[in-house]
C-alpha atoms as a PDB file:
ATOM      1  CA  LEU A   1       0.522  26.968   8.482  1.00  0.00           C
ATOM      2  CA  ASP A   2       3.235  27.528  10.849  1.00  0.00           C
ATOM      3  CA  GLU A   3       5.776  24.412  12.045  1.00  0.00           C
ATOM      4  CA  SER A   4       4.263  23.979  15.370  1.00  0.00           C
ATOM      5  CA  VAL A   5       0.823  23.196  14.028  1.00  0.00           C
ATOM      6  CA  ILE A   6       2.347  20.592  11.095  1.00  0.00           C
ATOM      7  CA  GLU A   7       4.109  18.889  14.518  1.00  0.00           C
ATOM      8  CA  ALA A   8       0.614  18.902  16.527  1.00  0.00           C
ATOM      9  CA  ILE A   9      -1.198  17.668  13.500  1.00  0.00           C
ATOM     10  CA  ILE A  10       1.523  14.872  13.263  1.00  0.00           C
ATOM     11  CA  GLN A  11       1.514  14.408  16.975  1.00  0.00           C
ATOM     12  CA  ALA A  12      -2.015  13.835  16.142  1.00  0.00           C
ATOM     13  CA  MET A  13      -2.207  10.995  13.812  1.00  0.00           C
ATOM     14  CA  GLY A  14       0.290   9.500  16.459  1.00  0.00           C
ATOM     15  CA  ARG A  15      -2.093   9.095  18.820  1.00  0.00           C
ATOM     16  CA  HIS A  16      -5.690   9.167  16.863  1.00  0.00           C
ATOM     17  CA  GLY A  17      -4.465   7.634  13.994  1.00  0.00           C
ATOM     18  CA  VAL A  18      -6.994  10.047  11.394  1.00  0.00           C
ATOM     19  CA  VAL A  19      -7.404  13.580  11.613  1.00  0.00           C
ATOM     20  CA  SER A  20     -10.259  15.634   9.772  1.00  0.00           C
ATOM     21  CA  PHE A  21     -10.507  19.014   8.918  1.00  0.00           C
ATOM     22  CA  PRO A  22     -14.503  19.854   7.716  1.00  0.00           C
ATOM     23  CA  ASN A  23     -15.387  22.707   5.611  1.00  0.00           C
ATOM     24  CA  GLN A  24     -11.545  23.172   3.265  1.00  0.00           C
ATOM     25  CA  ARG A  25     -11.624  24.962   0.397  1.00  0.00           C
ATOM     26  CA  LEU A  26      -8.016  23.699  -0.843  1.00  0.00           C
ATOM     27  CA  THR A  27      -6.874  23.997  -4.434  1.00  0.00           C
ATOM     28  CA  PRO A  28      -4.903  20.760  -5.754  1.00  0.00           C
ATOM     29  CA  VAL A  29      -1.349  23.262  -5.483  1.00  0.00           C
ATOM     30  CA  GLN A  30      -2.684  23.919  -1.866  1.00  0.00           C
ATOM     31  CA  GLN A  31      -3.435  20.476  -1.435  1.00  0.00           C
ATOM     32  CA  ARG A  32       0.265  19.320  -2.676  1.00  0.00           C
ATOM     33  CA  ASP A  33       1.881  22.063  -1.027  1.00  0.00           C
ATOM     34  CA  PHE A  34       0.154  20.986   2.328  1.00  0.00           C
ATOM     35  CA  SER A  35       0.847  17.223   1.884  1.00  0.00           C
ATOM     36  CA  ALA A  36       4.504  17.912   1.048  1.00  0.00           C
ATOM     37  CA  ARG A  37       4.510  19.389   4.927  1.00  0.00           C
ATOM     38  CA  PHE A  38       4.585  15.383   6.426  1.00  0.00           C
ATOM     39  CA  GLY A  39       7.856  13.894   3.338  1.00  0.00           C
ATOM     40  CA  GLU A  40       8.370  12.767   0.389  1.00  0.00           C
ATOM     41  CA  LEU A  41       5.344  12.444  -1.913  1.00  0.00           C
ATOM     42  CA  GLU A  42       4.576   9.285  -3.830  1.00  0.00           C
ATOM     43  CA  ILE A  43       4.223   8.884  -7.658  1.00  0.00           C
ATOM     44  CA  ASN A  44       2.189   5.677  -8.225  1.00  0.00           C
ATOM     45  CA  VAL A  45       3.359   3.132 -10.060  1.00  0.00           C
ATOM     46  CA  ALA A  46       0.570   3.162 -12.121  1.00  0.00           C
ATOM     47  CA  ASN A  47       1.277   6.144 -13.803  1.00  0.00           C
ATOM     48  CA  SER A  48      -2.329   7.443 -14.412  1.00  0.00           C
ATOM     49  CA  TYR A  49      -5.396   9.530 -13.039  1.00  0.00           C
ATOM     50  CA  GLN A  50      -2.789  11.934 -12.198  1.00  0.00           C
ATOM     51  CA  GLU A  51      -4.205  15.408 -11.225  1.00  0.00           C
ATOM     52  CA  PRO A  52      -2.978  17.660 -14.871  1.00  0.00           C
ATOM     53  CA  GLY A  53       0.418  19.090 -13.603  1.00  0.00           C
ATOM     54  CA  ILE A  54       0.824  17.168 -10.025  1.00  0.00           C
ATOM     55  CA  PRO A  55       2.075  13.447 -11.214  1.00  0.00           C
ATOM     56  CA  GLN A  56       2.214  13.334  -7.008  1.00  0.00           C
ATOM     57  CA  MET A  57      -1.849  13.207  -6.878  1.00  0.00           C
ATOM     58  CA  MET A  58      -4.229  10.889  -7.602  1.00  0.00           C
ATOM     59  CA  ILE A  59      -8.216  11.660  -8.992  1.00  0.00           C
ATOM     60  CA  LEU A  60     -10.623   8.690  -7.407  1.00  0.00           C
ATOM     61  CA  SER A  61     -13.691   9.181  -9.223  1.00  0.00           C
ATOM     62  CA  ASN A  62     -16.374   6.808 -10.433  1.00  0.00           C
ATOM     63  CA  ILE A  63     -17.031   9.701 -13.158  1.00  0.00           C
ATOM     64  CA  VAL A  64     -17.189   9.076 -16.808  1.00  0.00           C
ATOM     65  CA  GLU A  65     -16.209  12.219 -18.852  1.00  0.00           C
ATOM     66  CA  ASN A  66     -16.352  11.752 -22.793  1.00  0.00           C
ATOM     67  CA  GLY A  67     -16.529   8.255 -22.551  1.00  0.00           C
ATOM     68  CA  LYS A  68     -13.439   8.320 -20.658  1.00  0.00           C
ATOM     69  CA  PRO A  69     -13.097   7.864 -16.746  1.00  0.00           C
ATOM     70  CA  ILE A  70     -11.500  10.128 -15.267  1.00  0.00           C
ATOM     71  CA  GLY A  71     -10.058   8.860 -11.889  1.00  0.00           C
ATOM     72  CA  ILE A  72      -9.773   5.165 -10.634  1.00  0.00           C
ATOM     73  CA  SER A  73     -13.581   4.374  -9.766  1.00  0.00           C
ATOM     74  CA  ASP A  74     -12.401   1.404  -7.204  1.00  0.00           C
ATOM     75  CA  ALA A  75      -9.181   2.707  -5.536  1.00  0.00           C
ATOM     76  CA  GLY A  76      -9.334   1.355  -1.448  1.00  0.00           C
ATOM     77  CA  GLN A  77     -12.425  -1.374  -1.758  1.00  0.00           C
ATOM     78  CA  ASP A  78     -10.954  -3.611   0.372  1.00  0.00           C
ATOM     79  CA  TRP A  79      -8.832  -3.953   3.569  1.00  0.00           C
ATOM     80  CA  HIS A  80      -5.076  -2.845   3.228  1.00  0.00           C
ATOM     81  CA  THR A  81      -2.744  -0.060   4.551  1.00  0.00           C
ATOM     82  CA  ASP A  82      -0.563   1.747   1.095  1.00  0.00           C
ATOM     83  CA  MET A  83       2.427   1.840   0.482  1.00  0.00           C
ATOM     84  CA  THR A  84       3.598  -1.372   2.565  1.00  0.00           C
ATOM     85  CA  TYR A  85       5.637  -2.676  -0.532  1.00  0.00           C
ATOM     86  CA  ASN A  86       8.071   0.694  -0.059  1.00  0.00           C
ATOM     87  CA  ARG A  87      11.495   0.033   1.619  1.00  0.00           C
ATOM     88  CA  VAL A  88      10.534   3.386   2.720  1.00  0.00           C
ATOM     89  CA  PRO A  89       6.491   2.642   3.897  1.00  0.00           C
ATOM     90  CA  GLY A  90       3.944   4.992   3.738  1.00  0.00           C
ATOM     91  CA  PHE A  91       3.283   7.460   6.209  1.00  0.00           C
ATOM     92  CA  VAL A  92       0.393   9.562   5.908  1.00  0.00           C
ATOM     93  CA  ASN A  93      -3.270   9.771   2.785  1.00  0.00           C
ATOM     94  CA  VAL A  94      -4.192  12.904   2.357  1.00  0.00           C
ATOM     95  CA  LEU A  95      -7.373  12.935   0.532  1.00  0.00           C
ATOM     96  CA  VAL A  96      -9.633  15.817  -0.649  1.00  0.00           C
ATOM     97  CA  ALA A  97     -13.570  15.334  -0.899  1.00  0.00           C
ATOM     98  CA  HIS A  98     -14.862  17.543  -3.737  1.00  0.00           C
ATOM     99  CA  LYS A  99     -17.873  15.271  -4.799  1.00  0.00           C
ATOM    100  CA  VAL A 100     -19.526  12.845  -2.261  1.00  0.00           C
ATOM    101  CA  PRO A 101     -22.827  10.116  -3.241  1.00  0.00           C
ATOM    102  CA  MET A 102     -25.843  11.367  -1.501  1.00  0.00           C
ATOM    103  CA  ARG A 103     -28.920   8.629  -1.178  1.00  0.00           C
ATOM    104  CA  ASP A 104     -31.965  10.650   0.764  1.00  0.00           C
ATOM    105  CA  GLY A 105     -30.255  12.725   2.309  1.00  0.00           C
ATOM    106  CA  LYS A 106     -27.190  10.605   3.511  1.00  0.00           C
ATOM    107  CA  PRO A 107     -23.915  10.563   2.693  1.00  0.00           C
ATOM    108  CA  LEU A 108     -22.228   7.489   0.909  1.00  0.00           C
ATOM    109  CA  GLY A 109     -18.783   5.791   0.017  1.00  0.00           C
ATOM    110  CA  GLY A 110     -17.616   6.387   3.475  1.00  0.00           C
ATOM    111  CA  THR A 111     -14.030   5.274   4.649  1.00  0.00           C
ATOM    112  CA  ALA A 112     -13.711   2.411   6.916  1.00  0.00           C
ATOM    113  CA  PHE A 113     -10.805   2.461   9.541  1.00  0.00           C
ATOM    114  CA  THR A 114      -8.754  -0.317  11.733  1.00  0.00           C
ATOM    115  CA  ASN A 115      -6.837   0.755  14.933  1.00  0.00           C
ATOM    116  CA  THR A 116      -3.229  -1.263  14.710  1.00  0.00           C
ATOM    117  CA  GLN A 117      -1.602  -0.142  17.750  1.00  0.00           C
ATOM    118  CA  ALA A 118      -5.231  -0.236  19.829  1.00  0.00           C
ATOM    119  CA  ALA A 119      -5.558  -3.974  18.121  1.00  0.00           C
ATOM    120  CA  TYR A 120      -1.370  -5.336  19.023  1.00  0.00           C
ATOM    121  CA  ASP A 121      -1.646  -3.929  22.580  1.00  0.00           C
ATOM    122  CA  ASP A 122      -5.141  -6.733  22.486  1.00  0.00           C
ATOM    123  CA  LEU A 123      -2.909  -9.885  21.615  1.00  0.00           C
ATOM    124  CA  PRO A 124      -1.895 -12.466  23.167  1.00  0.00           C
ATOM    125  CA  SER A 125       1.243 -12.605  24.558  1.00  0.00           C
ATOM    126  CA  ASP A 126       2.283 -15.882  23.345  1.00  0.00           C
ATOM    127  CA  VAL A 127       1.370 -14.211  20.135  1.00  0.00           C
ATOM    128  CA  LYS A 128       3.420 -11.380  20.309  1.00  0.00           C
ATOM    129  CA  THR A 129       6.598 -13.566  21.857  1.00  0.00           C
ATOM    130  CA  ARG A 130       6.876 -15.976  18.993  1.00  0.00           C
ATOM    131  CA  LEU A 131       6.126 -12.581  16.386  1.00  0.00           C
ATOM    132  CA  THR A 132       8.474 -10.568  17.847  1.00  0.00           C
ATOM    133  CA  ASN A 133      11.411 -10.885  15.382  1.00  0.00           C
ATOM    134  CA  ALA A 134       9.230 -12.244  12.788  1.00  0.00           C
ATOM    135  CA  THR A 135       8.782  -9.843   9.159  1.00  0.00           C
ATOM    136  CA  ALA A 136       6.577 -10.299   5.814  1.00  0.00           C
ATOM    137  CA  LEU A 137       7.072  -9.834   2.533  1.00  0.00           C
ATOM    138  CA  HIS A 138       4.170  -7.286   0.903  1.00  0.00           C
ATOM    139  CA  ASP A 139       4.203  -7.316  -2.768  1.00  0.00           C
ATOM    140  CA  HIS A 140       2.357  -4.016  -4.665  1.00  0.00           C
ATOM    141  CA  ASN A 141       1.046  -6.410  -7.218  1.00  0.00           C
ATOM    142  CA  GLN A 142      -1.150  -8.494  -4.830  1.00  0.00           C
ATOM    143  CA  PHE A 143      -3.932  -6.094  -4.751  1.00  0.00           C
ATOM    144  CA  GLN A 144      -4.228  -5.305  -7.713  1.00  0.00           C
ATOM    145  CA  GLU A 145      -4.652  -8.584  -8.652  1.00  0.00           C
ATOM    146  CA  LEU A 146      -6.856  -9.094  -5.752  1.00  0.00           C
ATOM    147  CA  MET A 147      -8.753  -6.440  -7.206  1.00  0.00           C
ATOM    148  CA  ARG A 148      -8.849  -7.427 -10.487  1.00  0.00           C
ATOM    149  CA  SER A 149     -10.435 -10.496  -9.778  1.00  0.00           C
ATOM    150  CA  LYS A 150     -13.498  -8.938  -8.516  1.00  0.00           C
ATOM    151  CA  GLY A 151     -14.033  -7.588 -10.989  1.00  0.00           C
ATOM    152  CA  SER A 152     -12.282  -4.468 -11.327  1.00  0.00           C
ATOM    153  CA  THR A 153     -11.435  -3.302 -14.811  1.00  0.00           C
ATOM    154  CA  ARG A 154      -7.994  -1.495 -14.071  1.00  0.00           C
ATOM    155  CA  PRO A 155      -4.868  -3.417 -16.568  1.00  0.00           C
ATOM    156  CA  ALA A 156      -2.141  -5.933 -15.435  1.00  0.00           C
ATOM    157  CA  GLN A 157       0.545  -4.323 -14.033  1.00  0.00           C
ATOM    158  CA  THR A 158       3.767  -4.582 -16.706  1.00  0.00           C
ATOM    159  CA  GLU A 159       7.018  -6.316 -15.996  1.00  0.00           C
ATOM    160  CA  ALA A 160       8.440  -2.622 -16.017  1.00  0.00           C
ATOM    161  CA  GLN A 161       5.463  -1.414 -13.312  1.00  0.00           C
ATOM    162  CA  LYS A 162       6.533  -4.689 -11.084  1.00  0.00           C
ATOM    163  CA  ARG A 163       9.823  -4.250 -11.576  1.00  0.00           C
ATOM    164  CA  SER A 164      10.134  -0.730 -10.000  1.00  0.00           C
ATOM    165  CA  ARG A 165       8.331  -1.511  -6.560  1.00  0.00           C
ATOM    166  CA  PRO A 166       9.421  -5.423  -6.148  1.00  0.00           C
ATOM    167  CA  PRO A 167       8.463  -6.755  -2.843  1.00  0.00           C
ATOM    168  CA  VAL A 168       9.502  -5.751   0.492  1.00  0.00           C
ATOM    169  CA  SER A 169       9.931  -7.323   3.688  1.00  0.00           C
ATOM    170  CA  HIS A 170       9.222  -5.376   7.216  1.00  0.00           C
ATOM    171  CA  PRO A 171       8.637  -6.257  10.501  1.00  0.00           C
ATOM    172  CA  VAL A 172       5.404  -8.094  11.610  1.00  0.00           C
ATOM    173  CA  PHE A 173       5.292  -5.788  14.720  1.00  0.00           C
ATOM    174  CA  LEU A 174       6.788  -2.680  13.356  1.00  0.00           C
ATOM    175  CA  THR A 175       7.126   0.120  16.197  1.00  0.00           C
ATOM    176  CA  HIS A 176       5.314   3.907  15.412  1.00  0.00           C
ATOM    177  CA  PRO A 177       7.790   6.432  15.347  1.00  0.00           C
ATOM    178  CA  ILE A 178       5.296   9.149  16.479  1.00  0.00           C
ATOM    179  CA  SER A 179       3.812   7.258  19.338  1.00  0.00           C
ATOM    180  CA  GLY A 180       6.751   4.548  20.265  1.00  0.00           C
ATOM    181  CA  ARG A 181       3.672   2.273  20.157  1.00  0.00           C
ATOM    182  CA  LYS A 182       3.624  -1.739  18.594  1.00  0.00           C
ATOM    183  CA  VAL A 183       1.522  -2.216  15.329  1.00  0.00           C
ATOM    184  CA  ILE A 184      -0.043  -4.795  13.589  1.00  0.00           C
ATOM    185  CA  TYR A 185       1.984  -3.840  10.288  1.00  0.00           C
ATOM    186  CA  VAL A 186       0.802  -6.747   8.068  1.00  0.00           C
ATOM    187  CA  ASN A 187      -2.695  -5.869   5.836  1.00  0.00           C
ATOM    188  CA  PRO A 188      -5.256  -7.997   3.730  1.00  0.00           C
ATOM    189  CA  GLY A 189      -3.838  -6.197   0.279  1.00  0.00           C
ATOM    190  CA  PHE A 190      -0.639  -6.594   0.281  1.00  0.00           C
ATOM    191  CA  THR A 191       0.878  -8.689   2.714  1.00  0.00           C
ATOM    192  CA  ALA A 192       2.472 -11.894   0.779  1.00  0.00           C
ATOM    193  CA  ARG A 193       3.616 -14.475   3.832  1.00  0.00           C
ATOM    194  CA  ILE A 194       5.295 -14.244   6.911  1.00  0.00           C
ATOM    195  CA  ASN A 195       8.795 -15.075   5.452  1.00  0.00           C
ATOM    196  CA  GLU A 196      10.092 -16.976   8.945  1.00  0.00           C
ATOM    197  CA  LEU A 197       6.896 -19.610   8.900  1.00  0.00           C
ATOM    198  CA  SER A 198       6.192 -22.400   6.498  1.00  0.00           C
ATOM    199  CA  PRO A 199       2.368 -21.302   3.470  1.00  0.00           C
ATOM    200  CA  GLU A 200       0.581 -22.984   5.965  1.00  0.00           C
ATOM    201  CA  GLU A 201       1.567 -21.968   9.322  1.00  0.00           C
ATOM    202  CA  SER A 202       1.855 -18.262   7.659  1.00  0.00           C
ATOM    203  CA  ASP A 203      -1.784 -18.191   5.999  1.00  0.00           C
ATOM    204  CA  ALA A 204      -3.162 -19.249   9.097  1.00  0.00           C
ATOM    205  CA  THR A 205      -1.177 -16.558  11.135  1.00  0.00           C
ATOM    206  CA  LEU A 206      -2.223 -13.947   8.871  1.00  0.00           C
ATOM    207  CA  LYS A 207      -5.929 -14.940   9.367  1.00  0.00           C
ATOM    208  CA  MET A 208      -5.397 -14.904  12.660  1.00  0.00           C
ATOM    209  CA  LEU A 209      -4.023 -11.529  13.174  1.00  0.00           C
ATOM    210  CA  TYR A 210      -6.843  -9.995   9.608  1.00  0.00           C
ATOM    211  CA  ALA A 211     -10.147 -11.043  12.008  1.00  0.00           C
ATOM    212  CA  HIS A 212      -8.369 -10.199  14.999  1.00  0.00           C
ATOM    213  CA  VAL A 213      -7.971  -6.586  13.926  1.00  0.00           C
ATOM    214  CA  MET A 214     -10.817  -6.181  11.822  1.00  0.00           C
ATOM    215  CA  GLN A 215     -12.700  -6.824  15.278  1.00  0.00           C
ATOM    216  CA  PRO A 216     -15.667  -3.785  15.748  1.00  0.00           C
ATOM    217  CA  LYS A 217     -13.897  -2.749  18.910  1.00  0.00           C
ATOM    218  CA  TYR A 218     -11.139  -1.121  17.092  1.00  0.00           C
ATOM    219  CA  ALA A 219     -13.154   0.159  13.975  1.00  0.00           C
ATOM    220  CA  TYR A 220     -13.868   4.128  12.601  1.00  0.00           C
ATOM    221  CA  THR A 221     -15.840   4.955   9.649  1.00  0.00           C
ATOM    222  CA  HIS A 222     -15.605   8.522   8.570  1.00  0.00           C
ATOM    223  CA  HIS A 223     -19.106  10.093   6.738  1.00  0.00           C
ATOM    224  CA  TRP A 224     -17.623  12.677   4.116  1.00  0.00           C
ATOM    225  CA  SER A 225     -18.641  16.050   3.672  1.00  0.00           C
ATOM    226  CA  VAL A 226     -17.764  17.923   0.975  1.00  0.00           C
ATOM    227  CA  GLY A 227     -14.590  20.174   1.260  1.00  0.00           C
ATOM    228  CA  ASP A 228     -13.227  17.298   4.153  1.00  0.00           C
ATOM    229  CA  VAL A 229      -9.211  17.119   4.381  1.00  0.00           C
ATOM    230  CA  LEU A 230      -8.573  13.637   5.643  1.00  0.00           C
ATOM    231  CA  LEU A 231      -5.550  12.526   7.176  1.00  0.00           C
ATOM    232  CA  TRP A 232      -4.350   9.166   8.031  1.00  0.00           C
ATOM    233  CA  ASP A 233      -1.652   7.237   9.501  1.00  0.00           C
ATOM    234  CA  HIS A 234      -0.715   4.568   7.470  1.00  0.00           C
ATOM    235  CA  LEU A 235       0.961   3.257  10.143  1.00  0.00           C
ATOM    236  CA  GLY A 236      -0.987   2.746  13.178  1.00  0.00           C
ATOM    237  CA  THR A 237      -4.171   1.905  10.599  1.00  0.00           C
ATOM    238  CA  TRP A 238      -5.940  -0.009   7.768  1.00  0.00           C
ATOM    239  CA  HIS A 239      -8.554   1.384   5.950  1.00  0.00           C
ATOM    240  CA  CYS A 240     -10.867   0.666   3.814  1.00  0.00           C
ATOM    241  CA  ALA A 241     -13.208   2.319   0.985  1.00  0.00           C
ATOM    242  CA  LEU A 242     -16.868   1.397   1.181  1.00  0.00           C
ATOM    243  CA  ALA A 243     -18.840   0.631  -2.178  1.00  0.00           C
ATOM    244  CA  ASP A 244     -21.746   1.180  -1.511  1.00  0.00           C
ATOM    245  CA  TYR A 245     -23.218   3.962  -4.082  1.00  0.00           C
ATOM    246  CA  ALA A 246     -24.194   3.736  -7.515  1.00  0.00           C
ATOM    247  CA  PRO A 247     -22.435   4.509 -11.129  1.00  0.00           C
ATOM    248  CA  ASN A 248     -24.057   7.174 -11.239  1.00  0.00           C
ATOM    249  CA  GLU A 249     -24.378   8.809  -7.684  1.00  0.00           C
ATOM    250  CA  TYR A 250     -20.555  10.398  -8.075  1.00  0.00           C
ATOM    251  CA  ARG A 251     -18.069  10.479  -5.878  1.00  0.00           C
ATOM    252  CA  LEU A 252     -14.645  12.889  -6.988  1.00  0.00           C
ATOM    253  CA  MET A 253     -11.425  12.327  -4.682  1.00  0.00           C
ATOM    254  CA  LYS A 254      -8.077  13.657  -4.526  1.00  0.00           C
ATOM    255  CA  ARG A 255      -5.279  12.247  -2.954  1.00  0.00           C
ATOM    256  CA  CYS A 256      -1.620  12.866  -2.358  1.00  0.00           C
ATOM    257  CA  GLN A 257       0.294   9.862  -0.391  1.00  0.00           C
ATOM    258  CA  VAL A 258       3.208  10.729   1.966  1.00  0.00           C
ATOM    259  CA  MET A 259       6.307   8.934   3.021  1.00  0.00           C
ATOM    260  CA  ALA A 260       7.686   7.832   6.146  1.00  0.00           C
ATOM    261  CA  ASP A 261      11.060   9.545   5.313  1.00  0.00           C
ATOM    262  CA  LYS A 262      10.759  12.051   7.454  1.00  0.00           C
ATOM    263  CA  VAL A 263       9.188  10.375  10.027  1.00  0.00           C
ATOM    264  CA  PHE A 264      11.872   7.439  10.692  1.00  0.00           C
ATOM    265  CA  ASP A 265      14.937   9.991  10.471  1.00  0.00           C
ATOM    266  CA  PRO A 266      16.818   9.749  13.086  1.00  0.00           C
ATOM    267  CA  ALA A 267      16.964  12.867  14.369  1.00  0.00           C
ATOM    268  CA  PHE A 268      13.217  13.459  13.952  1.00  0.00           C
ATOM    269  CA  LEU A 269      12.221  10.268  15.042  1.00  0.00           C
ATOM    270  CA  GLN A 270      14.310  11.156  18.629  1.00  0.00           C
ATOM    271  CA  GLU A 271      12.885  14.533  19.166  1.00  0.00           C
ATOM    272  CA  LYS A 272       8.802  13.523  18.629  1.00  0.00           C
ATOM    273  CA  LEU A 273       9.431  10.576  21.108  1.00  0.00           C
ATOM    274  CA  ARG A 274      11.009  13.651  23.527  1.00  0.00           C
ATOM    275  CA  VAL A 275       7.464  15.223  23.164  1.00  0.00           C
ATOM    276  CA  VAL A 276       5.547  12.369  23.789  1.00  0.00           C
ATOM    277  CA  ALA A 277       7.060  11.130  26.921  1.00  0.00           C
END
């Protein structure tokens, strides 16, 4: 694609959060190369269920072949936004649908989203003031243990994996590098605490923010079709994979995760905000 098309997609994600390209036929190599147009690609800390020869691509699936799962079966099945646990946070998820579970002619295994830019706009002014300079700690292992507590078969992280992704802090209210708007940059999956508050105040404040963001007026659910290429902006949305399908109703997705190294580059950021203005 021409660079102007890539920039148009970036602008659309900054405005809308989620962008869908239906009825595509991307090979894994094409998906990787397309994703890399938006920034550096993550290699997941788990180092498992990777596309052969493409460590930047993970397979998300409940399919079992020869007694072994071919992908992560419960990826994303709770509210979160990816890679807040990185020093350079995540920017884009590029997910391609290869198999979509169906029942009675309707697709299952949708992905729900909520808009943290719109949610920030509607926060009471006293909350915005109180948390203006607050920061929150994000921990990769927290989501792993959350899923394990709900019965996930994913293994506990090794000490080496934990060291490779130590907890990091980010502003509670982050300025979106494309739209220039504030976002609520905490999430139930990875946020451990608000650093400047007592544990009790932190828990209560996070509970309030989570309930606020998850109001139906900020929500959108994508119902998948085979061939969908879905991009979403990690900075301005949360998401949750809907586990409404049975083990024999097969779902197969392939994912690339893009870091926000490019959109937070000062020269790139200045140009993007000029275009938005």
